[in-house]
PDB file of N, CA and C in Angstrom:
ATOM      1  N   UNK A   1     -21.623 -16.296  -8.476  1.00  0.00           N
ATOM      2  CA  UNK A   1     -20.313 -15.735  -8.758  1.00  0.00           C
ATOM      3  C   UNK A   1     -20.375 -14.220  -8.576  1.00  0.00           C
ATOM      4  N   UNK A   2     -19.404 -13.690  -7.854  1.00  0.00           N
ATOM      5  CA  UNK A   2     -19.365 -12.252  -7.611  1.00  0.00           C
ATOM      6  C   UNK A   2     -18.813 -11.519  -8.820  1.00  0.00           C
ATOM      7  N   UNK A   3     -19.337 -10.340  -9.055  1.00  0.00           N
ATOM      8  CA  UNK A   3     -18.896  -9.534 -10.188  1.00  0.00           C
ATOM      9  C   UNK A   3     -17.792  -8.581  -9.731  1.00  0.00           C
ATOM     10  N   UNK A   4     -16.726  -8.518 -10.500  1.00  0.00           N
ATOM     11  CA  UNK A   4     -15.610  -7.633 -10.193  1.00  0.00           C
ATOM     12  C   UNK A   4     -15.968  -6.195 -10.519  1.00  0.00           C
ATOM     13  N   UNK A   5     -15.541  -5.278  -9.643  1.00  0.00           N
ATOM     14  CA  UNK A   5     -15.759  -3.849  -9.850  1.00  0.00           C
ATOM     15  C   UNK A   5     -14.789  -3.275 -10.859  1.00  0.00           C
ATOM     16  N   UNK A   6     -13.701  -3.977 -11.110  1.00  0.00           N
ATOM     17  CA  UNK A   6     -12.664  -3.496 -12.017  1.00  0.00           C
ATOM     18  C   UNK A   6     -12.908  -4.094 -13.390  1.00  0.00           C
ATOM     19  N   UNK A   7     -12.946  -3.245 -14.371  1.00  0.00           N
ATOM     20  CA  UNK A   7     -13.157  -3.701 -15.745  1.00  0.00           C
ATOM     21  C   UNK A   7     -11.807  -3.995 -16.399  1.00  0.00           C
ATOM     22  N   UNK A   8     -11.761  -5.086 -17.144  1.00  0.00           N
ATOM     23  CA  UNK A   8     -10.546  -5.396 -17.884  1.00  0.00           C
ATOM     24  C   UNK A   8     -10.325  -4.326 -18.945  1.00  0.00           C
ATOM     25  N   UNK A   9      -9.096  -3.893 -19.069  1.00  0.00           N
ATOM     26  CA  UNK A   9      -8.746  -2.849 -20.017  1.00  0.00           C
ATOM     27  C   UNK A   9      -8.763  -3.430 -21.424  1.00  0.00           C
ATOM     28  N   UNK A  10      -9.643  -2.927 -22.247  1.00  0.00           N
ATOM     29  CA  UNK A  10      -9.735  -3.428 -23.610  1.00  0.00           C
ATOM     30  C   UNK A  10      -9.273  -2.397 -24.624  1.00  0.00           C
ATOM     31  N   UNK A  11      -8.973  -1.192 -24.147  1.00  0.00           N
ATOM     32  CA  UNK A  11      -8.530  -0.136 -25.053  1.00  0.00           C
ATOM     33  C   UNK A  11      -7.076  -0.388 -25.458  1.00  0.00           C
ATOM     34  N   UNK A  12      -6.765  -0.198 -26.743  1.00  0.00           N
ATOM     35  CA  UNK A  12      -5.377  -0.393 -27.156  1.00  0.00           C
ATOM     36  C   UNK A  12      -4.471   0.665 -26.519  1.00  0.00           C
ATOM     37  N   UNK A  13      -3.300   0.240 -26.106  1.00  0.00           N
ATOM     38  CA  UNK A  13      -2.345   1.168 -25.509  1.00  0.00           C
ATOM     39  C   UNK A  13      -1.118   1.256 -26.392  1.00  0.00           C
ATOM     40  N   UNK A  14      -0.388   2.357 -26.248  1.00  0.00           N
ATOM     41  CA  UNK A  14       0.815   2.544 -27.050  1.00  0.00           C
ATOM     42  C   UNK A  14       1.981   1.726 -26.516  1.00  0.00           C
ATOM     43  N   UNK A  15       1.985   1.451 -25.209  1.00  0.00           N
ATOM     44  CA  UNK A  15       3.064   0.688 -24.605  1.00  0.00           C
ATOM     45  C   UNK A  15       2.716  -0.796 -24.622  1.00  0.00           C
ATOM     46  N   UNK A  16       3.744  -1.646 -24.704  1.00  0.00           N
ATOM     47  CA  UNK A  16       3.469  -3.085 -24.635  1.00  0.00           C
ATOM     48  C   UNK A  16       2.968  -3.449 -23.244  1.00  0.00           C
ATOM     49  N   UNK A  17       2.210  -4.502 -23.171  1.00  0.00           N
ATOM     50  CA  UNK A  17       1.659  -4.956 -21.904  1.00  0.00           C
ATOM     51  C   UNK A  17       2.770  -5.333 -20.927  1.00  0.00           C
ATOM     52  N   UNK A  18       2.566  -4.999 -19.663  1.00  0.00           N
ATOM     53  CA  UNK A  18       3.516  -5.406 -18.621  1.00  0.00           C
ATOM     54  C   UNK A  18       3.273  -6.847 -18.219  1.00  0.00           C
ATOM     55  N   UNK A  19       2.161  -7.407 -18.631  1.00  0.00           N
ATOM     56  CA  UNK A  19       1.863  -8.789 -18.291  1.00  0.00           C
ATOM     57  C   UNK A  19       0.776  -8.896 -17.249  1.00  0.00           C
ATOM     58  N   UNK A  20       0.704 -10.064 -16.665  1.00  0.00           N
ATOM     59  CA  UNK A  20      -0.353 -10.373 -15.728  1.00  0.00           C
ATOM     60  C   UNK A  20       0.111 -10.204 -14.287  1.00  0.00           C
ATOM     61  N   UNK A  21      -0.870 -10.014 -13.398  1.00  0.00           N
ATOM     62  CA  UNK A  21      -0.579  -9.891 -11.974  1.00  0.00           C
ATOM     63  C   UNK A  21      -1.682 -10.601 -11.193  1.00  0.00           C
ATOM     64  N   UNK A  22      -1.408 -10.892  -9.947  1.00  0.00           N
ATOM     65  CA  UNK A  22      -2.382 -11.508  -9.063  1.00  0.00           C
ATOM     66  C   UNK A  22      -2.900 -10.431  -8.119  1.00  0.00           C
ATOM     67  N   UNK A  23      -4.225 -10.318  -7.987  1.00  0.00           N
ATOM     68  CA  UNK A  23      -4.833  -9.216  -7.243  1.00  0.00           C
ATOM     69  C   UNK A  23      -5.858  -9.758  -6.250  1.00  0.00           C
ATOM     70  N   UNK A  24      -5.805  -9.242  -5.047  1.00  0.00           N
ATOM     71  CA  UNK A  24      -6.747  -9.616  -3.994  1.00  0.00           C
ATOM     72  C   UNK A  24      -8.166  -9.195  -4.360  1.00  0.00           C
ATOM     73  N   UNK A  25      -9.128 -10.017  -3.985  1.00  0.00           N
ATOM     74  CA  UNK A  25     -10.531  -9.677  -4.193  1.00  0.00           C
ATOM     75  C   UNK A  25     -10.957  -8.450  -3.380  1.00  0.00           C
ATOM     76  N   UNK A  26     -10.218  -8.116  -2.332  1.00  0.00           N
ATOM     77  CA  UNK A  26     -10.548  -6.900  -1.583  1.00  0.00           C
ATOM     78  C   UNK A  26     -10.395  -5.673  -2.477  1.00  0.00           C
ATOM     79  N   UNK A  27      -9.505  -5.766  -3.456  1.00  0.00           N
ATOM     80  CA  UNK A  27      -9.313  -4.673  -4.410  1.00  0.00           C
ATOM     81  C   UNK A  27     -10.345  -4.784  -5.532  1.00  0.00           C
ATOM     82  N   UNK A  28     -10.424  -5.954  -6.149  1.00  0.00           N
ATOM     83  CA  UNK A  28     -11.254  -6.089  -7.341  1.00  0.00           C
ATOM     84  C   UNK A  28     -12.740  -6.201  -7.055  1.00  0.00           C
ATOM     85  N   UNK A  29     -13.118  -6.755  -5.925  1.00  0.00           N
ATOM     86  CA  UNK A  29     -14.540  -6.894  -5.602  1.00  0.00           C
ATOM     87  C   UNK A  29     -15.047  -5.810  -4.662  1.00  0.00           C
ATOM     88  N   UNK A  30     -14.211  -5.414  -3.711  1.00  0.00           N
ATOM     89  CA  UNK A  30     -14.656  -4.453  -2.699  1.00  0.00           C
ATOM     90  C   UNK A  30     -14.182  -3.034  -2.962  1.00  0.00           C
ATOM     91  N   UNK A  31     -13.341  -2.851  -3.980  1.00  0.00           N
ATOM     92  CA  UNK A  31     -12.936  -1.512  -4.390  1.00  0.00           C
ATOM     93  C   UNK A  31     -11.885  -0.844  -3.524  1.00  0.00           C
ATOM     94  N   UNK A  32     -11.184  -1.625  -2.687  1.00  0.00           N
ATOM     95  CA  UNK A  32     -10.119  -1.029  -1.872  1.00  0.00           C
ATOM     96  C   UNK A  32      -8.926  -0.695  -2.759  1.00  0.00           C
ATOM     97  N   UNK A  33      -8.162   0.313  -2.375  1.00  0.00           N
ATOM     98  CA  UNK A  33      -6.946   0.679  -3.107  1.00  0.00           C
ATOM     99  C   UNK A  33      -5.831  -0.315  -2.775  1.00  0.00           C
ATOM    100  N   UNK A  34      -4.818  -0.345  -3.617  1.00  0.00           N
ATOM    101  CA  UNK A  34      -3.642  -1.169  -3.345  1.00  0.00           C
ATOM    102  C   UNK A  34      -2.953  -0.582  -2.120  1.00  0.00           C
ATOM    103  N   UNK A  35      -2.754  -1.411  -1.115  1.00  0.00           N
ATOM    104  CA  UNK A  35      -2.074  -0.966   0.103  1.00  0.00           C
ATOM    105  C   UNK A  35      -0.716  -1.613   0.265  1.00  0.00           C
ATOM    106  N   UNK A  36      -0.527  -2.717  -0.455  1.00  0.00           N
ATOM    107  CA  UNK A  36       0.722  -3.471  -0.353  1.00  0.00           C
ATOM    108  C   UNK A  36       0.952  -4.137  -1.698  1.00  0.00           C
ATOM    109  N   UNK A  37       2.155  -4.045  -2.202  1.00  0.00           N
ATOM    110  CA  UNK A  37       2.475  -4.652  -3.487  1.00  0.00           C
ATOM    111  C   UNK A  37       3.881  -5.223  -3.443  1.00  0.00           C
ATOM    112  N   UNK A  38       4.060  -6.351  -4.099  1.00  0.00           N
ATOM    113  CA  UNK A  38       5.396  -6.941  -4.169  1.00  0.00           C
ATOM    114  C   UNK A  38       5.560  -7.647  -5.507  1.00  0.00           C
ATOM    115  N   UNK A  39       6.823  -7.810  -5.878  1.00  0.00           N
ATOM    116  CA  UNK A  39       7.116  -8.431  -7.173  1.00  0.00           C
ATOM    117  C   UNK A  39       7.939  -9.686  -6.945  1.00  0.00           C
ATOM    118  N   UNK A  40       7.339 -10.819  -7.268  1.00  0.00           N
ATOM    119  CA  UNK A  40       8.007 -12.102  -7.135  1.00  0.00           C
ATOM    120  C   UNK A  40       8.939 -12.348  -8.315  1.00  0.00           C
ATOM    121  N   UNK A  41       9.858 -13.255  -8.105  1.00  0.00           N
ATOM    122  CA  UNK A  41      10.728 -13.685  -9.194  1.00  0.00           C
ATOM    123  C   UNK A  41       9.861 -14.421 -10.212  1.00  0.00           C
ATOM    124  N   UNK A  42      10.039 -14.078 -11.466  1.00  0.00           N
ATOM    125  CA  UNK A  42       9.244 -14.681 -12.531  1.00  0.00           C
ATOM    126  C   UNK A  42       9.872 -16.015 -12.909  1.00  0.00           C
ATOM    127  N   UNK A  43       9.056 -17.062 -12.887  1.00  0.00           N
ATOM    128  CA  UNK A  43       9.542 -18.378 -13.270  1.00  0.00           C
ATOM    129  C   UNK A  43       9.695 -18.444 -14.782  1.00  0.00           C
ATOM    130  N   UNK A  44      10.723 -19.155 -15.224  1.00  0.00           N
ATOM    131  CA  UNK A  44      11.033 -19.219 -16.661  1.00  0.00           C
ATOM    132  C   UNK A  44       9.885 -19.743 -17.504  1.00  0.00           C
ATOM    133  N   UNK A  45       9.126 -20.701 -16.977  1.00  0.00           N
ATOM    134  CA  UNK A  45       8.044 -21.294 -17.765  1.00  0.00           C
ATOM    135  C   UNK A  45       6.725 -20.535 -17.612  1.00  0.00           C
ATOM    136  N   UNK A  46       6.760 -19.425 -16.923  1.00  0.00           N
ATOM    137  CA  UNK A  46       5.553 -18.634 -16.691  1.00  0.00           C
ATOM    138  C   UNK A  46       5.253 -17.776 -17.914  1.00  0.00           C
ATOM    139  N   UNK A  47       4.033 -17.902 -18.404  1.00  0.00           N
ATOM    140  CA  UNK A  47       3.634 -17.124 -19.574  1.00  0.00           C
ATOM    141  C   UNK A  47       3.040 -15.789 -19.159  1.00  0.00           C
ATOM    142  N   UNK A  48       3.687 -14.702 -19.516  1.00  0.00           N
ATOM    143  CA  UNK A  48       3.155 -13.356 -19.371  1.00  0.00           C
ATOM    144  C   UNK A  48       2.959 -12.899 -17.921  1.00  0.00           C
ATOM    145  N   UNK A  49       3.603 -13.558 -16.959  1.00  0.00           N
ATOM    146  CA  UNK A  49       3.496 -13.137 -15.559  1.00  0.00           C
ATOM    147  C   UNK A  49       4.487 -12.008 -15.306  1.00  0.00           C
ATOM    148  N   UNK A  50       3.978 -10.884 -14.785  1.00  0.00           N
ATOM    149  CA  UNK A  50       4.842  -9.745 -14.465  1.00  0.00           C
ATOM    150  C   UNK A  50       5.559  -9.943 -13.142  1.00  0.00           C
ATOM    151  N   UNK A  51       5.033 -10.860 -12.317  1.00  0.00           N
ATOM    152  CA  UNK A  51       5.572 -11.071 -10.984  1.00  0.00           C
ATOM    153  C   UNK A  51       4.887 -10.210  -9.930  1.00  0.00           C
ATOM    154  N   UNK A  52       4.087  -9.226 -10.357  1.00  0.00           N
ATOM    155  CA  UNK A  52       3.448  -8.324  -9.403  1.00  0.00           C
ATOM    156  C   UNK A  52       2.273  -8.987  -8.717  1.00  0.00           C
ATOM    157  N   UNK A  53       2.172  -8.717  -7.397  1.00  0.00           N
ATOM    158  CA  UNK A  53       1.065  -9.168  -6.561  1.00  0.00           C
ATOM    159  C   UNK A  53       0.548  -7.939  -5.826  1.00  0.00           C
ATOM    160  N   UNK A  54      -0.749  -7.696  -5.900  1.00  0.00           N
ATOM    161  CA  UNK A  54      -1.345  -6.502  -5.306  1.00  0.00           C
ATOM    162  C   UNK A  54      -2.366  -6.896  -4.246  1.00  0.00           C
ATOM    163  N   UNK A  55      -2.203  -6.327  -3.059  1.00  0.00           N
ATOM    164  CA  UNK A  55      -3.086  -6.591  -1.933  1.00  0.00           C
ATOM    165  C   UNK A  55      -3.579  -5.280  -1.350  1.00  0.00           C
ATOM    166  N   UNK A  56      -4.706  -5.344  -0.662  1.00  0.00           N
ATOM    167  CA  UNK A  56      -5.206  -4.155   0.025  1.00  0.00           C
ATOM    168  C   UNK A  56      -4.333  -3.847   1.238  1.00  0.00           C
ATOM    169  N   UNK A  57      -3.721  -4.869   1.791  1.00  0.00           N
ATOM    170  CA  UNK A  57      -2.850  -4.697   2.948  1.00  0.00           C
ATOM    171  C   UNK A  57      -3.510  -5.080   4.257  1.00  0.00           C
ATOM    172  N   UNK A  58      -4.791  -5.434   4.201  1.00  0.00           N
ATOM    173  CA  UNK A  58      -5.512  -5.824   5.412  1.00  0.00           C
ATOM    174  C   UNK A  58      -5.872  -7.306   5.416  1.00  0.00           C
ATOM    175  N   UNK A  59      -5.462  -8.029   4.393  1.00  0.00           N
ATOM    176  CA  UNK A  59      -5.775  -9.448   4.286  1.00  0.00           C
ATOM    177  C   UNK A  59      -5.039 -10.248   5.378  1.00  0.00           C
ATOM    178  N   UNK A  60      -5.690 -11.276   5.871  1.00  0.00           N
ATOM    179  CA  UNK A  60      -5.030 -12.195   6.801  1.00  0.00           C
ATOM    180  C   UNK A  60      -4.237 -13.215   5.984  1.00  0.00           C
ATOM    181  N   UNK A  61      -3.361 -13.924   6.648  1.00  0.00           N
ATOM    182  CA  UNK A  61      -2.580 -14.956   5.964  1.00  0.00           C
ATOM    183  C   UNK A  61      -3.506 -16.033   5.389  1.00  0.00           C
ATOM    184  N   UNK A  62      -4.536 -16.421   6.149  1.00  0.00           N
ATOM    185  CA  UNK A  62      -5.492 -17.421   5.664  1.00  0.00           C
ATOM    186  C   UNK A  62      -6.217 -16.930   4.408  1.00  0.00           C
ATOM    187  N   UNK A  63      -6.581 -15.662   4.398  1.00  0.00           N
ATOM    188  CA  UNK A  63      -7.268 -15.078   3.245  1.00  0.00           C
ATOM    189  C   UNK A  63      -6.379 -15.161   2.010  1.00  0.00           C
ATOM    190  N   UNK A  64      -5.125 -14.770   2.155  1.00  0.00           N
ATOM    191  CA  UNK A  64      -4.193 -14.752   1.026  1.00  0.00           C
ATOM    192  C   UNK A  64      -3.922 -16.165   0.506  1.00  0.00           C
ATOM    193  N   UNK A  65      -3.852 -17.127   1.400  1.00  0.00           N
ATOM    194  CA  UNK A  65      -3.542 -18.500   0.998  1.00  0.00           C
ATOM    195  C   UNK A  65      -4.687 -19.194   0.263  1.00  0.00           C
ATOM    196  N   UNK A  66      -5.899 -18.678   0.388  1.00  0.00           N
ATOM    197  CA  UNK A  66      -7.052 -19.265  -0.298  1.00  0.00           C
ATOM    198  C   UNK A  66      -7.114 -18.711  -1.720  1.00  0.00           C
ATOM    199  N   UNK A  67      -6.894 -19.583  -2.706  1.00  0.00           N
ATOM    200  CA  UNK A  67      -6.850 -19.174  -4.118  1.00  0.00           C
ATOM    201  C   UNK A  67      -8.122 -18.477  -4.582  1.00  0.00           C
ATOM    202  N   UNK A  68      -9.244 -18.730  -3.945  1.00  0.00           N
ATOM    203  CA  UNK A  68     -10.512 -18.117  -4.340  1.00  0.00           C
ATOM    204  C   UNK A  68     -10.544 -16.625  -4.040  1.00  0.00           C
ATOM    205  N   UNK A  69      -9.603 -16.141  -3.244  1.00  0.00           N
ATOM    206  CA  UNK A  69      -9.607 -14.742  -2.823  1.00  0.00           C
ATOM    207  C   UNK A  69      -8.735 -13.832  -3.681  1.00  0.00           C
ATOM    208  N   UNK A  70      -8.298 -14.321  -4.826  1.00  0.00           N
ATOM    209  CA  UNK A  70      -7.519 -13.481  -5.737  1.00  0.00           C
ATOM    210  C   UNK A  70      -7.803 -13.900  -7.170  1.00  0.00           C
ATOM    211  N   UNK A  71      -7.536 -12.973  -8.064  1.00  0.00           N
ATOM    212  CA  UNK A  71      -7.758 -13.213  -9.490  1.00  0.00           C
ATOM    213  C   UNK A  71      -6.585 -12.644 -10.287  1.00  0.00           C
ATOM    214  N   UNK A  72      -6.451 -13.112 -11.513  1.00  0.00           N
ATOM    215  CA  UNK A  72      -5.401 -12.648 -12.412  1.00  0.00           C
ATOM    216  C   UNK A  72      -5.969 -11.541 -13.301  1.00  0.00           C
ATOM    217  N   UNK A  73      -5.228 -10.445 -13.391  1.00  0.00           N
ATOM    218  CA  UNK A  73      -5.587  -9.306 -14.237  1.00  0.00           C
ATOM    219  C   UNK A  73      -4.347  -8.826 -14.968  1.00  0.00           C
ATOM    220  N   UNK A  74      -4.553  -8.029 -16.004  1.00  0.00           N
ATOM    221  CA  UNK A  74      -3.459  -7.313 -16.642  1.00  0.00           C
ATOM    222  C   UNK A  74      -2.991  -6.233 -15.671  1.00  0.00           C
ATOM    223  N   UNK A  75      -1.687  -6.015 -15.570  1.00  0.00           N
ATOM    224  CA  UNK A  75      -1.151  -4.975 -14.688  1.00  0.00           C
ATOM    225  C   UNK A  75      -1.767  -3.623 -15.029  1.00  0.00           C
ATOM    226  N   UNK A  76      -1.921  -3.335 -16.304  1.00  0.00           N
ATOM    227  CA  UNK A  76      -2.467  -2.050 -16.733  1.00  0.00           C
ATOM    228  C   UNK A  76      -3.899  -1.830 -16.224  1.00  0.00           C
ATOM    229  N   UNK A  77      -4.659  -2.896 -16.095  1.00  0.00           N
ATOM    230  CA  UNK A  77      -6.020  -2.784 -15.587  1.00  0.00           C
ATOM    231  C   UNK A  77      -6.016  -2.302 -14.145  1.00  0.00           C
ATOM    232  N   UNK A  78      -5.107  -2.833 -13.349  1.00  0.00           N
ATOM    233  CA  UNK A  78      -5.013  -2.424 -11.945  1.00  0.00           C
ATOM    234  C   UNK A  78      -4.465  -1.004 -11.854  1.00  0.00           C
ATOM    235  N   UNK A  79      -3.533  -0.658 -12.728  1.00  0.00           N
ATOM    236  CA  UNK A  79      -2.995   0.709 -12.755  1.00  0.00           C
ATOM    237  C   UNK A  79      -4.057   1.722 -13.165  1.00  0.00           C
ATOM    238  N   UNK A  80      -4.978   1.334 -14.039  1.00  0.00           N
ATOM    239  CA  UNK A  80      -6.095   2.218 -14.402  1.00  0.00           C
ATOM    240  C   UNK A  80      -6.974   2.474 -13.186  1.00  0.00           C
ATOM    241  N   UNK A  81      -7.186   1.442 -12.382  1.00  0.00           N
ATOM    242  CA  UNK A  81      -8.008   1.556 -11.180  1.00  0.00           C
ATOM    243  C   UNK A  81      -7.296   2.351 -10.081  1.00  0.00           C
ATOM    244  N   UNK A  82      -5.987   2.115  -9.924  1.00  0.00           N
ATOM    245  CA  UNK A  82      -5.209   2.778  -8.863  1.00  0.00           C
ATOM    246  C   UNK A  82      -3.908   3.310  -9.470  1.00  0.00           C
ATOM    247  N   UNK A  83      -3.946   4.487 -10.095  1.00  0.00           N
ATOM    248  CA  UNK A  83      -2.773   5.038 -10.784  1.00  0.00           C
ATOM    249  C   UNK A  83      -1.562   5.279  -9.881  1.00  0.00           C
ATOM    250  N   UNK A  84      -1.746   5.261  -8.572  1.00  0.00           N
ATOM    251  CA  UNK A  84      -0.620   5.485  -7.656  1.00  0.00           C
ATOM    252  C   UNK A  84       0.467   4.423  -7.816  1.00  0.00           C
ATOM    253  N   UNK A  85       0.121   3.260  -8.350  1.00  0.00           N
ATOM    254  CA  UNK A  85       1.117   2.188  -8.491  1.00  0.00           C
ATOM    255  C   UNK A  85       2.028   2.384  -9.701  1.00  0.00           C
ATOM    256  N   UNK A  86       1.632   3.248 -10.632  1.00  0.00           N
ATOM    257  CA  UNK A  86       2.364   3.413 -11.896  1.00  0.00           C
ATOM    258  C   UNK A  86       3.850   3.718 -11.709  1.00  0.00           C
ATOM    259  N   UNK A  87       4.175   4.572 -10.772  1.00  0.00           N
ATOM    260  CA  UNK A  87       5.562   4.997 -10.583  1.00  0.00           C
ATOM    261  C   UNK A  87       6.472   3.869 -10.112  1.00  0.00           C
ATOM    262  N   UNK A  88       5.898   2.748  -9.702  1.00  0.00           N
ATOM    263  CA  UNK A  88       6.682   1.676  -9.086  1.00  0.00           C
ATOM    264  C   UNK A  88       6.734   0.399  -9.916  1.00  0.00           C
ATOM    265  N   UNK A  89       6.024   0.359 -11.015  1.00  0.00           N
ATOM    266  CA  UNK A  89       5.869  -0.884 -11.771  1.00  0.00           C
ATOM    267  C   UNK A  89       7.138  -1.384 -12.445  1.00  0.00           C
ATOM    268  N   UNK A  90       8.136  -0.533 -12.582  1.00  0.00           N
ATOM    269  CA  UNK A  90       9.368  -0.983 -13.235  1.00  0.00           C
ATOM    270  C   UNK A  90      10.451  -1.358 -12.227  1.00  0.00           C
ATOM    271  N   UNK A  91      10.070  -1.445 -10.947  1.00  0.00           N
ATOM    272  CA  UNK A  91      11.021  -1.896  -9.929  1.00  0.00           C
ATOM    273  C   UNK A  91      11.339  -3.370 -10.159  1.00  0.00           C
ATOM    274  N   UNK A  92      12.515  -3.813  -9.728  1.00  0.00           N
ATOM    275  CA  UNK A  92      12.935  -5.187 -10.009  1.00  0.00           C
ATOM    276  C   UNK A  92      12.224  -6.227  -9.154  1.00  0.00           C
ATOM    277  N   UNK A  93      12.356  -7.476  -9.569  1.00  0.00           N
ATOM    278  CA  UNK A  93      11.846  -8.594  -8.787  1.00  0.00           C
ATOM    279  C   UNK A  93      12.423  -8.499  -7.380  1.00  0.00           C
ATOM    280  N   UNK A  94      11.628  -8.867  -6.386  1.00  0.00           N
ATOM    281  CA  UNK A  94      12.048  -8.781  -4.995  1.00  0.00           C
ATOM    282  C   UNK A  94      11.615  -7.489  -4.321  1.00  0.00           C
ATOM    283  N   UNK A  95      11.100  -6.528  -5.100  1.00  0.00           N
ATOM    284  CA  UNK A  95      10.632  -5.259  -4.527  1.00  0.00           C
ATOM    285  C   UNK A  95       9.361  -5.509  -3.723  1.00  0.00           C
ATOM    286  N   UNK A  96       9.258  -4.812  -2.605  1.00  0.00           N
ATOM    287  CA  UNK A  96       8.115  -4.943  -1.707  1.00  0.00           C
ATOM    288  C   UNK A  96       7.796  -3.555  -1.177  1.00  0.00           C
ATOM    289  N   UNK A  97       6.554  -3.104  -1.393  1.00  0.00           N
ATOM    290  CA  UNK A  97       6.186  -1.740  -1.028  1.00  0.00           C
ATOM    291  C   UNK A  97       4.859  -1.699  -0.281  1.00  0.00           C
ATOM    292  N   UNK A  98       4.728  -0.677   0.572  1.00  0.00           N
ATOM    293  CA  UNK A  98       3.461  -0.439   1.242  1.00  0.00           C
ATOM    294  C   UNK A  98       3.081   1.020   1.051  1.00  0.00           C
ATOM    295  N   UNK A  99       1.776   1.244   0.934  1.00  0.00           N
ATOM    296  CA  UNK A  99       1.275   2.603   0.745  1.00  0.00           C
ATOM    297  C   UNK A  99       1.420   3.380   2.046  1.00  0.00           C
ATOM    298  N   UNK A 100       1.868   4.615   1.932  1.00  0.00           N
ATOM    299  CA  UNK A 100       1.902   5.514   3.081  1.00  0.00           C
ATOM    300  C   UNK A 100       0.464   5.962   3.299  1.00  0.00           C
ATOM    301  N   UNK A 101      -0.057   5.684   4.479  1.00  0.00           N
ATOM    302  CA  UNK A 101      -1.470   5.930   4.777  1.00  0.00           C
ATOM    303  C   UNK A 101      -1.903   7.347   4.412  1.00  0.00           C
ATOM    304  N   UNK A 102      -3.034   7.415   3.729  1.00  0.00           N
ATOM    305  CA  UNK A 102      -3.611   8.697   3.355  1.00  0.00           C
ATOM    306  C   UNK A 102      -2.948   9.373   2.169  1.00  0.00           C
ATOM    307  N   UNK A 103      -2.112   8.622   1.434  1.00  0.00           N
ATOM    308  CA  UNK A 103      -1.406   9.226   0.299  1.00  0.00           C
ATOM    309  C   UNK A 103      -1.443   8.302  -0.906  1.00  0.00           C
ATOM    310  N   UNK A 104      -0.874   8.784  -1.990  1.00  0.00           N
ATOM    311  CA  UNK A 104      -0.691   7.972  -3.193  1.00  0.00           C
ATOM    312  C   UNK A 104       0.782   7.608  -3.365  1.00  0.00           C
ATOM    313  N   UNK A 105       1.508   7.587  -2.264  1.00  0.00           N
ATOM    314  CA  UNK A 105       2.928   7.280  -2.268  1.00  0.00           C
ATOM    315  C   UNK A 105       3.168   5.950  -1.556  1.00  0.00           C
ATOM    316  N   UNK A 106       4.115   5.212  -2.087  1.00  0.00           N
ATOM    317  CA  UNK A 106       4.496   3.937  -1.467  1.00  0.00           C
ATOM    318  C   UNK A 106       5.937   4.056  -0.956  1.00  0.00           C
ATOM    319  N   UNK A 107       6.252   3.238   0.025  1.00  0.00           N
ATOM    320  CA  UNK A 107       7.632   3.157   0.527  1.00  0.00           C
ATOM    321  C   UNK A 107       8.051   1.696   0.510  1.00  0.00           C
ATOM    322  N   UNK A 108       9.349   1.507   0.341  1.00  0.00           N
ATOM    323  CA  UNK A 108       9.907   0.170   0.346  1.00  0.00           C
ATOM    324  C   UNK A 108       9.750  -0.426   1.741  1.00  0.00           C
ATOM    325  N   UNK A 109       9.434  -1.698   1.800  1.00  0.00           N
ATOM    326  CA  UNK A 109       9.319  -2.417   3.069  1.00  0.00           C
ATOM    327  C   UNK A 109      10.707  -2.935   3.422  1.00  0.00           C
ATOM    328  N   UNK A 110      11.153  -2.616   4.604  1.00  0.00           N
ATOM    329  CA  UNK A 110      12.469  -3.065   5.090  1.00  0.00           C
ATOM    330  C   UNK A 110      12.282  -4.427   5.756  1.00  0.00           C
ATOM    331  N   UNK A 111      13.226  -5.315   5.506  1.00  0.00           N
ATOM    332  CA  UNK A 111      13.148  -6.649   6.133  1.00  0.00           C
ATOM    333  C   UNK A 111      13.770  -6.620   7.499  1.00  0.00           C
TER     334      UNK A 111
END
């Protein structure tokens, strides 16, 4: 079993948890920054899911479809690792963003 480079946040925070997110192993195991992020509609029966999905942005479709290539983390844990995502975490469901290369800024993805 591979060890994740990202440590789960165990320190108490003043803000309530944003919930859980799904994160690519390219981020958690290989240490890549978030390059692409989107927020899915949260299902009513979903416990503590924020809807956020974080990818490095270089994953293939086959990679993303394989459940072994992603893990569930607290959103705050990923934000601790890559603070550039903080400014975007309160965007609504359906939001889709990509990192502007070489920066800590994201832009909305146009369909």
